[in-house]
Amino acid sequence: MADIPAKPVLLTGASGALGRVLAKALGAAGWTVRLTDIVPFPDPLPAKAVFTRADLNDGVAILRLAEGCGMILHLGGVSVERPFEEVIGANIRGLYHIYEAARREGARVLFASSNHSIGFHERSEALDDDCQFMPDGYYGLSKAYGELMGRMYWYKHGVENVNVRIGSCFPEPVDARMLSTWLSYADLTRLAMRATLAEKTGSCVIWGASANSRTYWRHDSRQALDWLPQDSADTYAGQMAGKVSGNPVQERYQGGAYTVIDHTRKAPPPGKLFVK
């Protein structure tokens, strides 16, 4: 069938919140999926899915898991702000193993990047996909690195990759900031499917947010994938009005709470570090 990939799909981070959403949805769609994570998969396995427990630091295991796959949906790794030494293994070395596996198999990669790769842009800015990286912590820094690795593998080896800068992917928004950044589970699922099924992607960036009128983010490559979000945080606007942190740093920057973790600056920076 045209809406089912000809080759198996490898899904890393399958035991996490978003991995479980995709595993269930892709299984329901009849896809053949290989699931992997460093911790056991907590749900019943979909009909055409297998689960293998593996560490992203284990390059040989990743190569074996990717054999014969046409797509790697890479959600695995450290998914929150953590000290540098905790981030570097799974998010830096592990991503190298993913791209080496994709290069060997001729597979495409969907990389779960993050809004935290650009988190120190101010909320008053409207960003395009070619904006400067301004990570708000070690986690965001690893995501900026991951996008650059994808760009290098595209230009050097022809490995196609879709870098999804996920905003806030939860069942529903929980604060005012998410009226801009929210990505519904259904929109995430449709995006993963289109990234897999699209004829060509090159190396591209997608803002991972639903159709929110208050979004900080503008142009990206979604038309090339034929992906348009169908949900919107706008329906939650009344409920979320006034749900703010009260922290001036957190409310100034697009990265929200991550910008204040270990923050020691006494005053805002005097101006832009980078000028386009």
C-alpha atoms as a PDB file:
ATOM      1  CA  MET A   1       0.000   0.000   0.000  1.00  0.00           C
ATOM      2  CA  ALA A   2       1.210   3.520  -0.782  1.00  0.00           C
ATOM      3  CA  ASP A   3       0.713   4.665   2.807  1.00  0.00           C
ATOM      4  CA  ILE A   4       2.825   1.851   4.301  1.00  0.00           C
ATOM      5  CA  PRO A   5       6.627   2.027   3.921  1.00  0.00           C
ATOM      6  CA  ALA A   6       8.221  -0.735   1.873  1.00  0.00           C
ATOM      7  CA  LYS A   7      10.951  -1.194   4.492  1.00  0.00           C
ATOM      8  CA  PRO A   8      10.789  -1.445   8.284  1.00  0.00           C
ATOM      9  CA  VAL A   9      10.995   1.723  10.381  1.00  0.00           C
ATOM     10  CA  LEU A  10      13.310   1.956  13.385  1.00  0.00           C
ATOM     11  CA  LEU A  11      11.928   3.994  16.304  1.00  0.00           C
ATOM     12  CA  THR A  12      14.372   4.931  19.068  1.00  0.00           C
ATOM     13  CA  GLY A  13      13.207   6.233  22.414  1.00  0.00           C
ATOM     14  CA  ALA A  14      10.202   3.979  21.998  1.00  0.00           C
ATOM     15  CA  SER A  15       9.538   3.695  25.746  1.00  0.00           C
ATOM     16  CA  GLY A  16       9.268   7.450  26.259  1.00  0.00           C
ATOM     17  CA  ALA A  17       6.023   9.403  26.177  1.00  0.00           C
ATOM     18  CA  LEU A  18       6.265  10.401  22.511  1.00  0.00           C
ATOM     19  CA  GLY A  19       7.805   7.109  21.429  1.00  0.00           C
ATOM     20  CA  ARG A  20       4.838   5.236  22.893  1.00  0.00           C
ATOM     21  CA  VAL A  21       2.433   7.522  21.041  1.00  0.00           C
ATOM     22  CA  LEU A  22       4.178   6.867  17.723  1.00  0.00           C
ATOM     23  CA  ALA A  23       4.583   3.134  18.333  1.00  0.00           C
ATOM     24  CA  LYS A  24       0.867   2.744  18.934  1.00  0.00           C
ATOM     25  CA  ALA A  25      -0.137   4.925  15.974  1.00  0.00           C
ATOM     26  CA  LEU A  26       2.261   3.368  13.480  1.00  0.00           C
ATOM     27  CA  GLY A  27       1.280  -0.096  14.634  1.00  0.00           C
ATOM     28  CA  ALA A  28      -2.400   0.744  14.165  1.00  0.00           C
ATOM     29  CA  ALA A  29      -1.579   1.906  10.631  1.00  0.00           C
ATOM     30  CA  GLY A  30      -0.067  -1.491   9.826  1.00  0.00           C
ATOM     31  CA  TRP A  31       3.576  -0.377   9.714  1.00  0.00           C
ATOM     32  CA  THR A  32       6.435  -2.770  10.421  1.00  0.00           C
ATOM     33  CA  VAL A  33       8.311  -1.106  13.264  1.00  0.00           C
ATOM     34  CA  ARG A  34      11.433  -1.957  15.227  1.00  0.00           C
ATOM     35  CA  LEU A  35      11.256  -0.377  18.661  1.00  0.00           C
ATOM     36  CA  THR A  36      14.241   0.272  20.888  1.00  0.00           C
ATOM     37  CA  ASP A  37      15.027   2.038  24.131  1.00  0.00           C
ATOM     38  CA  ILE A  38      17.401   1.709  27.074  1.00  0.00           C
ATOM     39  CA  VAL A  39      14.452   0.761  29.302  1.00  0.00           C
ATOM     40  CA  PRO A  40      11.739  -1.861  28.686  1.00  0.00           C
ATOM     41  CA  PHE A  41       8.731  -1.038  26.520  1.00  0.00           C
ATOM     42  CA  PRO A  42       5.796  -0.665  28.942  1.00  0.00           C
ATOM     43  CA  ASP A  43       2.881  -1.267  26.579  1.00  0.00           C
ATOM     44  CA  PRO A  44       1.589  -4.243  24.588  1.00  0.00           C
ATOM     45  CA  LEU A  45       3.544  -4.530  21.346  1.00  0.00           C
ATOM     46  CA  PRO A  46       1.720  -3.606  18.138  1.00  0.00           C
ATOM     47  CA  ALA A  47       1.073  -6.491  15.761  1.00  0.00           C
ATOM     48  CA  LYS A  48       4.021  -5.853  13.422  1.00  0.00           C
ATOM     49  CA  ALA A  49       6.467  -4.471  15.977  1.00  0.00           C
ATOM     50  CA  VAL A  50       9.442  -5.955  17.796  1.00  0.00           C
ATOM     51  CA  PHE A  51      11.248  -4.405  20.753  1.00  0.00           C
ATOM     52  CA  THR A  52      14.974  -4.624  21.462  1.00  0.00           C
ATOM     53  CA  ARG A  53      16.508  -3.100  24.547  1.00  0.00           C
ATOM     54  CA  ALA A  54      19.667  -1.206  23.534  1.00  0.00           C
ATOM     55  CA  ASP A  55      21.889   1.703  24.518  1.00  0.00           C
ATOM     56  CA  LEU A  56      22.517   4.434  21.937  1.00  0.00           C
ATOM     57  CA  ASN A  57      26.156   4.394  23.046  1.00  0.00           C
ATOM     58  CA  ASP A  58      26.439   0.863  21.612  1.00  0.00           C
ATOM     59  CA  GLY A  59      27.224   1.479  17.950  1.00  0.00           C
ATOM     60  CA  VAL A  60      27.172  -2.192  16.988  1.00  0.00           C
ATOM     61  CA  ALA A  61      23.691  -2.656  18.471  1.00  0.00           C
ATOM     62  CA  ILE A  62      22.383   0.361  16.571  1.00  0.00           C
ATOM     63  CA  LEU A  63      23.862  -0.888  13.299  1.00  0.00           C
ATOM     64  CA  ARG A  64      22.140  -4.242  13.785  1.00  0.00           C
ATOM     65  CA  LEU A  65      18.809  -2.672  14.645  1.00  0.00           C
ATOM     66  CA  ALA A  66      18.899  -0.505  11.520  1.00  0.00           C
ATOM     67  CA  GLU A  67      19.671  -3.330   9.075  1.00  0.00           C
ATOM     68  CA  GLY A  68      17.147  -3.224   6.243  1.00  0.00           C
ATOM     69  CA  CYS A  69      15.337  -0.141   7.563  1.00  0.00           C
ATOM     70  CA  GLY A  70      14.369   2.716   5.279  1.00  0.00           C
ATOM     71  CA  MET A  71      13.607   5.230   8.023  1.00  0.00           C
ATOM     72  CA  ILE A  72      14.938   5.944  11.514  1.00  0.00           C
ATOM     73  CA  LEU A  73      12.596   7.950  13.737  1.00  0.00           C
ATOM     74  CA  HIS A  74      15.149   9.118  16.277  1.00  0.00           C
ATOM     75  CA  LEU A  75      13.442  10.167  19.497  1.00  0.00           C
ATOM     76  CA  GLY A  76      15.966   8.492  21.792  1.00  0.00           C
ATOM     77  CA  GLY A  77      18.415  10.155  24.148  1.00  0.00           C
ATOM     78  CA  VAL A  78      18.350  12.505  27.113  1.00  0.00           C
ATOM     79  CA  SER A  79      15.106  14.438  26.692  1.00  0.00           C
ATOM     80  CA  VAL A  80      15.392  17.163  29.349  1.00  0.00           C
ATOM     81  CA  GLU A  81      18.039  19.572  30.585  1.00  0.00           C
ATOM     82  CA  ARG A  82      20.778  17.663  32.395  1.00  0.00           C
ATOM     83  CA  PRO A  83      24.480  18.208  33.215  1.00  0.00           C
ATOM     84  CA  PHE A  84      26.816  18.039  30.237  1.00  0.00           C
ATOM     85  CA  GLU A  85      28.326  14.666  31.142  1.00  0.00           C
ATOM     86  CA  GLU A  86      24.862  13.085  31.150  1.00  0.00           C
ATOM     87  CA  VAL A  87      23.937  14.590  27.781  1.00  0.00           C
ATOM     88  CA  ILE A  88      27.077  13.861  25.798  1.00  0.00           C
ATOM     89  CA  GLY A  89      26.767  10.077  25.580  1.00  0.00           C
ATOM     90  CA  ALA A  90      23.281   9.437  24.225  1.00  0.00           C
ATOM     91  CA  ASN A  91      22.750  12.787  22.506  1.00  0.00           C
ATOM     92  CA  ILE A  92      26.162  13.253  20.863  1.00  0.00           C
ATOM     93  CA  ARG A  93      27.830   9.865  20.523  1.00  0.00           C
ATOM     94  CA  GLY A  94      24.483   8.123  20.159  1.00  0.00           C
ATOM     95  CA  LEU A  95      23.426  10.390  17.319  1.00  0.00           C
ATOM     96  CA  TYR A  96      26.665   9.626  15.499  1.00  0.00           C
ATOM     97  CA  HIS A  97      25.754   5.934  15.698  1.00  0.00           C
ATOM     98  CA  ILE A  98      22.303   6.695  14.279  1.00  0.00           C
ATOM     99  CA  TYR A  99      23.726   8.573  11.310  1.00  0.00           C
ATOM    100  CA  GLU A 100      26.359   5.950  10.622  1.00  0.00           C
ATOM    101  CA  ALA A 101      23.605   3.341  10.557  1.00  0.00           C
ATOM    102  CA  ALA A 102      21.520   5.522   8.225  1.00  0.00           C
ATOM    103  CA  ARG A 103      24.510   6.027   5.931  1.00  0.00           C
ATOM    104  CA  ARG A 104      25.141   2.294   5.699  1.00  0.00           C
ATOM    105  CA  GLU A 105      21.495   1.427   5.049  1.00  0.00           C
ATOM    106  CA  GLY A 106      20.654   4.372   2.790  1.00  0.00           C
ATOM    107  CA  ALA A 107      17.955   5.295   5.312  1.00  0.00           C
ATOM    108  CA  ARG A 108      16.336   8.635   6.082  1.00  0.00           C
ATOM    109  CA  VAL A 109      16.396  10.107   9.594  1.00  0.00           C
ATOM    110  CA  LEU A 110      13.756  12.058  11.466  1.00  0.00           C
ATOM    111  CA  PHE A 111      15.661  13.781  14.254  1.00  0.00           C
ATOM    112  CA  ALA A 112      13.659  14.933  17.261  1.00  0.00           C
ATOM    113  CA  SER A 113      15.284  18.323  17.684  1.00  0.00           C
ATOM    114  CA  SER A 114      13.848  20.910  20.037  1.00  0.00           C
ATOM    115  CA  ASN A 115      12.805  24.515  20.469  1.00  0.00           C
ATOM    116  CA  HIS A 116      15.553  24.591  23.088  1.00  0.00           C
ATOM    117  CA  SER A 117      18.098  24.735  20.280  1.00  0.00           C
ATOM    118  CA  ILE A 118      16.847  28.312  19.736  1.00  0.00           C
ATOM    119  CA  GLY A 119      15.583  28.961  23.270  1.00  0.00           C
ATOM    120  CA  PHE A 120      17.381  32.251  23.916  1.00  0.00           C
ATOM    121  CA  HIS A 121      15.576  34.045  21.114  1.00  0.00           C
ATOM    122  CA  GLU A 122      13.114  36.484  22.638  1.00  0.00           C
ATOM    123  CA  ARG A 123       9.399  35.792  22.473  1.00  0.00           C
ATOM    124  CA  SER A 124       8.860  38.997  20.524  1.00  0.00           C
ATOM    125  CA  GLU A 125      10.812  37.517  17.587  1.00  0.00           C
ATOM    126  CA  ALA A 126       9.175  35.653  14.717  1.00  0.00           C
ATOM    127  CA  LEU A 127      11.637  33.000  13.596  1.00  0.00           C
ATOM    128  CA  ASP A 128      12.220  31.264  10.281  1.00  0.00           C
ATOM    129  CA  ASP A 129      13.877  27.866  10.010  1.00  0.00           C
ATOM    130  CA  ASP A 130      17.253  29.433   9.137  1.00  0.00           C
ATOM    131  CA  CYS A 131      17.461  31.497  12.325  1.00  0.00           C
ATOM    132  CA  GLN A 132      20.580  31.426  14.478  1.00  0.00           C
ATOM    133  CA  PHE A 133      20.953  28.609  16.972  1.00  0.00           C
ATOM    134  CA  MET A 134      20.683  30.051  20.486  1.00  0.00           C
ATOM    135  CA  PRO A 135      20.512  27.007  22.793  1.00  0.00           C
ATOM    136  CA  ASP A 136      19.300  27.533  26.336  1.00  0.00           C
ATOM    137  CA  GLY A 137      21.246  24.687  27.970  1.00  0.00           C
ATOM    138  CA  TYR A 138      23.260  21.538  27.349  1.00  0.00           C
ATOM    139  CA  TYR A 139      20.182  19.699  26.102  1.00  0.00           C
ATOM    140  CA  GLY A 140      19.413  22.439  23.571  1.00  0.00           C
ATOM    141  CA  LEU A 141      23.084  22.566  22.615  1.00  0.00           C
ATOM    142  CA  SER A 142      22.995  18.843  21.820  1.00  0.00           C
ATOM    143  CA  LYS A 143      19.972  19.417  19.582  1.00  0.00           C
ATOM    144  CA  ALA A 144      21.739  22.190  17.672  1.00  0.00           C
ATOM    145  CA  TYR A 145      24.671  19.818  17.230  1.00  0.00           C
ATOM    146  CA  GLY A 146      22.293  17.135  16.008  1.00  0.00           C
ATOM    147  CA  GLU A 147      20.842  19.379  13.327  1.00  0.00           C
ATOM    148  CA  LEU A 148      24.349  20.284  12.173  1.00  0.00           C
ATOM    149  CA  MET A 149      25.299  16.612  12.058  1.00  0.00           C
ATOM    150  CA  GLY A 150      22.299  15.952   9.844  1.00  0.00           C
ATOM    151  CA  ARG A 151      23.324  18.787   7.551  1.00  0.00           C
ATOM    152  CA  MET A 152      26.845  17.389   7.295  1.00  0.00           C
ATOM    153  CA  TYR A 153      25.623  13.857   6.552  1.00  0.00           C
ATOM    154  CA  TRP A 154      23.330  15.236   3.834  1.00  0.00           C
ATOM    155  CA  TYR A 155      26.058  17.204   2.065  1.00  0.00           C
ATOM    156  CA  LYS A 156      28.798  14.623   2.567  1.00  0.00           C
ATOM    157  CA  HIS A 157      26.905  11.342   2.241  1.00  0.00           C
ATOM    158  CA  GLY A 158      23.459  12.167   0.842  1.00  0.00           C
ATOM    159  CA  VAL A 159      21.648  10.995   3.994  1.00  0.00           C
ATOM    160  CA  GLU A 160      18.220  12.662   3.997  1.00  0.00           C
ATOM    161  CA  ASN A 161      17.019  14.025   7.323  1.00  0.00           C
ATOM    162  CA  VAL A 162      14.042  15.883   8.751  1.00  0.00           C
ATOM    163  CA  ASN A 163      14.866  17.934  11.842  1.00  0.00           C
ATOM    164  CA  VAL A 164      11.726  18.573  13.879  1.00  0.00           C
ATOM    165  CA  ARG A 165      12.145  21.374  16.422  1.00  0.00           C
ATOM    166  CA  ILE A 166       9.529  20.061  18.813  1.00  0.00           C
ATOM    167  CA  GLY A 167       7.839  22.757  20.847  1.00  0.00           C
ATOM    168  CA  SER A 168       5.698  21.332  23.681  1.00  0.00           C
ATOM    169  CA  CYS A 169       4.211  17.961  22.802  1.00  0.00           C
ATOM    170  CA  PHE A 170       1.642  17.043  25.435  1.00  0.00           C
ATOM    171  CA  PRO A 171      -1.997  15.933  25.443  1.00  0.00           C
ATOM    172  CA  GLU A 172      -2.959  19.607  25.846  1.00  0.00           C
ATOM    173  CA  PRO A 173      -1.325  22.956  26.754  1.00  0.00           C
ATOM    174  CA  VAL A 174      -0.652  23.593  30.433  1.00  0.00           C
ATOM    175  CA  ASP A 175       0.439  27.269  30.441  1.00  0.00           C
ATOM    176  CA  ALA A 176       0.308  30.443  28.375  1.00  0.00           C
ATOM    177  CA  ARG A 177       3.620  29.770  26.628  1.00  0.00           C
ATOM    178  CA  MET A 178       2.213  26.585  25.135  1.00  0.00           C
ATOM    179  CA  LEU A 179      -0.376  28.618  23.257  1.00  0.00           C
ATOM    180  CA  SER A 180       2.606  29.274  20.969  1.00  0.00           C
ATOM    181  CA  THR A 181       4.612  26.044  21.252  1.00  0.00           C
ATOM    182  CA  TRP A 182       2.045  23.238  21.631  1.00  0.00           C
ATOM    183  CA  LEU A 183       2.211  20.228  19.287  1.00  0.00           C
ATOM    184  CA  SER A 184      -0.638  17.735  19.544  1.00  0.00           C
ATOM    185  CA  TYR A 185       0.043  14.015  19.554  1.00  0.00           C
ATOM    186  CA  ALA A 186      -2.031  13.641  16.395  1.00  0.00           C
ATOM    187  CA  ASP A 187      -0.049  16.325  14.553  1.00  0.00           C
ATOM    188  CA  LEU A 188       3.213  14.713  15.666  1.00  0.00           C
ATOM    189  CA  THR A 189       2.019  11.367  14.326  1.00  0.00           C
ATOM    190  CA  ARG A 190       0.988  12.837  10.988  1.00  0.00           C
ATOM    191  CA  LEU A 191       4.350  14.604  10.734  1.00  0.00           C
ATOM    192  CA  ALA A 192       6.308  11.414  11.402  1.00  0.00           C
ATOM    193  CA  MET A 193       4.297   9.592   8.767  1.00  0.00           C
ATOM    194  CA  ARG A 194       4.751  12.306   6.146  1.00  0.00           C
ATOM    195  CA  ALA A 195       8.471  12.553   6.886  1.00  0.00           C
ATOM    196  CA  THR A 196       8.704   8.816   6.234  1.00  0.00           C
ATOM    197  CA  LEU A 197       6.502   8.644   3.148  1.00  0.00           C
ATOM    198  CA  ALA A 198       7.614  11.824   1.348  1.00  0.00           C
ATOM    199  CA  GLU A 199       9.405  11.116  -1.923  1.00  0.00           C
ATOM    200  CA  LYS A 200      12.305  13.415  -1.060  1.00  0.00           C
ATOM    201  CA  THR A 201      13.243  15.572   1.907  1.00  0.00           C
ATOM    202  CA  GLY A 202      16.874  16.590   1.547  1.00  0.00           C
ATOM    203  CA  SER A 203      18.003  18.030   4.867  1.00  0.00           C
ATOM    204  CA  CYS A 204      15.212  20.197   6.218  1.00  0.00           C
ATOM    205  CA  VAL A 205      13.834  21.814   9.365  1.00  0.00           C
ATOM    206  CA  ILE A 206      10.227  21.677  10.555  1.00  0.00           C
ATOM    207  CA  TRP A 207       8.830  23.708  13.417  1.00  0.00           C
ATOM    208  CA  GLY A 208       7.158  21.089  15.603  1.00  0.00           C
ATOM    209  CA  ALA A 209       4.029  22.988  16.580  1.00  0.00           C
ATOM    210  CA  SER A 210       0.350  22.715  15.781  1.00  0.00           C
ATOM    211  CA  ALA A 211      -1.577  25.437  13.944  1.00  0.00           C
ATOM    212  CA  ASN A 212      -1.351  27.938  16.803  1.00  0.00           C
ATOM    213  CA  SER A 213      -2.152  31.540  15.873  1.00  0.00           C
ATOM    214  CA  ARG A 214       0.201  32.785  18.617  1.00  0.00           C
ATOM    215  CA  THR A 215       3.192  30.827  17.328  1.00  0.00           C
ATOM    216  CA  TYR A 216       6.705  32.297  17.447  1.00  0.00           C
ATOM    217  CA  TRP A 217       7.681  30.383  14.320  1.00  0.00           C
ATOM    218  CA  ARG A 218       7.089  30.976  10.621  1.00  0.00           C
ATOM    219  CA  HIS A 219       8.614  29.483   7.502  1.00  0.00           C
ATOM    220  CA  ASP A 220       9.924  25.914   7.263  1.00  0.00           C
ATOM    221  CA  SER A 221       9.868  22.953   4.841  1.00  0.00           C
ATOM    222  CA  ARG A 222       6.463  21.489   5.687  1.00  0.00           C
ATOM    223  CA  GLN A 223       5.106  21.950   2.173  1.00  0.00           C
ATOM    224  CA  ALA A 224       7.782  19.628   0.799  1.00  0.00           C
ATOM    225  CA  LEU A 225       6.506  16.932   3.158  1.00  0.00           C
ATOM    226  CA  ASP A 226       2.844  17.735   2.465  1.00  0.00           C
ATOM    227  CA  TRP A 227       2.315  18.190   6.209  1.00  0.00           C
ATOM    228  CA  LEU A 228      -0.096  20.721   7.636  1.00  0.00           C
ATOM    229  CA  PRO A 229      -1.001  20.578  11.338  1.00  0.00           C
ATOM    230  CA  GLN A 230      -4.698  20.109  11.940  1.00  0.00           C
ATOM    231  CA  ASP A 231      -4.955  20.919  15.640  1.00  0.00           C
ATOM    232  CA  SER A 232      -4.490  24.239  17.447  1.00  0.00           C
ATOM    233  CA  ALA A 233      -3.791  25.517  20.940  1.00  0.00           C
ATOM    234  CA  ASP A 234      -6.175  28.383  20.241  1.00  0.00           C
ATOM    235  CA  THR A 235      -9.065  26.399  21.677  1.00  0.00           C
ATOM    236  CA  TYR A 236      -7.300  26.478  25.075  1.00  0.00           C
ATOM    237  CA  ALA A 237      -6.643  30.230  25.084  1.00  0.00           C
ATOM    238  CA  GLY A 238      -9.269  31.048  27.677  1.00  0.00           C
ATOM    239  CA  GLN A 239      -8.070  28.356  30.059  1.00  0.00           C
ATOM    240  CA  MET A 240      -4.392  29.322  29.738  1.00  0.00           C
ATOM    241  CA  ALA A 241      -4.763  33.112  29.966  1.00  0.00           C
ATOM    242  CA  GLY A 242      -2.620  34.395  32.823  1.00  0.00           C
ATOM    243  CA  LYS A 243      -0.893  31.049  33.473  1.00  0.00           C
ATOM    244  CA  VAL A 244       2.636  32.457  33.546  1.00  0.00           C
ATOM    245  CA  SER A 245       5.641  31.827  35.776  1.00  0.00           C
ATOM    246  CA  GLY A 246       6.268  35.350  37.026  1.00  0.00           C
ATOM    247  CA  ASN A 247       9.996  34.904  36.330  1.00  0.00           C
ATOM    248  CA  PRO A 248      11.161  37.716  33.991  1.00  0.00           C
ATOM    249  CA  VAL A 249      13.883  35.613  32.340  1.00  0.00           C
ATOM    250  CA  GLN A 250      11.581  32.666  31.754  1.00  0.00           C
ATOM    251  CA  GLU A 251       8.864  34.896  30.309  1.00  0.00           C
ATOM    252  CA  ARG A 252      11.283  36.824  28.070  1.00  0.00           C
ATOM    253  CA  TYR A 253      12.712  33.921  26.099  1.00  0.00           C
ATOM    254  CA  GLN A 254      11.143  31.313  23.845  1.00  0.00           C
ATOM    255  CA  GLY A 255      12.810  28.439  25.738  1.00  0.00           C
ATOM    256  CA  GLY A 256      10.774  29.175  28.845  1.00  0.00           C
ATOM    257  CA  ALA A 257      11.763  27.320  32.015  1.00  0.00           C
ATOM    258  CA  TYR A 258      14.957  25.879  30.537  1.00  0.00           C
ATOM    259  CA  THR A 259      16.458  29.377  30.242  1.00  0.00           C
ATOM    260  CA  VAL A 260      16.484  29.842  34.033  1.00  0.00           C
ATOM    261  CA  ILE A 261      18.149  26.515  34.922  1.00  0.00           C
ATOM    262  CA  ASP A 262      21.583  27.408  36.388  1.00  0.00           C
ATOM    263  CA  HIS A 263      21.088  30.956  35.098  1.00  0.00           C
ATOM    264  CA  THR A 264      23.605  33.342  36.734  1.00  0.00           C
ATOM    265  CA  ARG A 265      23.496  36.457  34.546  1.00  0.00           C
ATOM    266  CA  LYS A 266      22.587  39.529  36.614  1.00  0.00           C
ATOM    267  CA  ALA A 267      21.171  41.584  33.716  1.00  0.00           C
ATOM    268  CA  PRO A 268      19.960  40.879  30.195  1.00  0.00           C
ATOM    269  CA  PRO A 269      22.647  40.815  27.481  1.00  0.00           C
ATOM    270  CA  PRO A 270      23.227  44.193  25.832  1.00  0.00           C
ATOM    271  CA  GLY A 271      22.299  43.079  22.324  1.00  0.00           C
ATOM    272  CA  LYS A 272      22.363  40.316  19.773  1.00  0.00           C
ATOM    273  CA  LEU A 273      25.467  38.166  19.647  1.00  0.00           C
ATOM    274  CA  PHE A 274      24.753  37.228  16.046  1.00  0.00           C
ATOM    275  CA  VAL A 275      23.496  39.404  13.226  1.00  0.00           C
ATOM    276  CA  LYS A 276      22.064  37.855  10.069  1.00  0.00           C
END
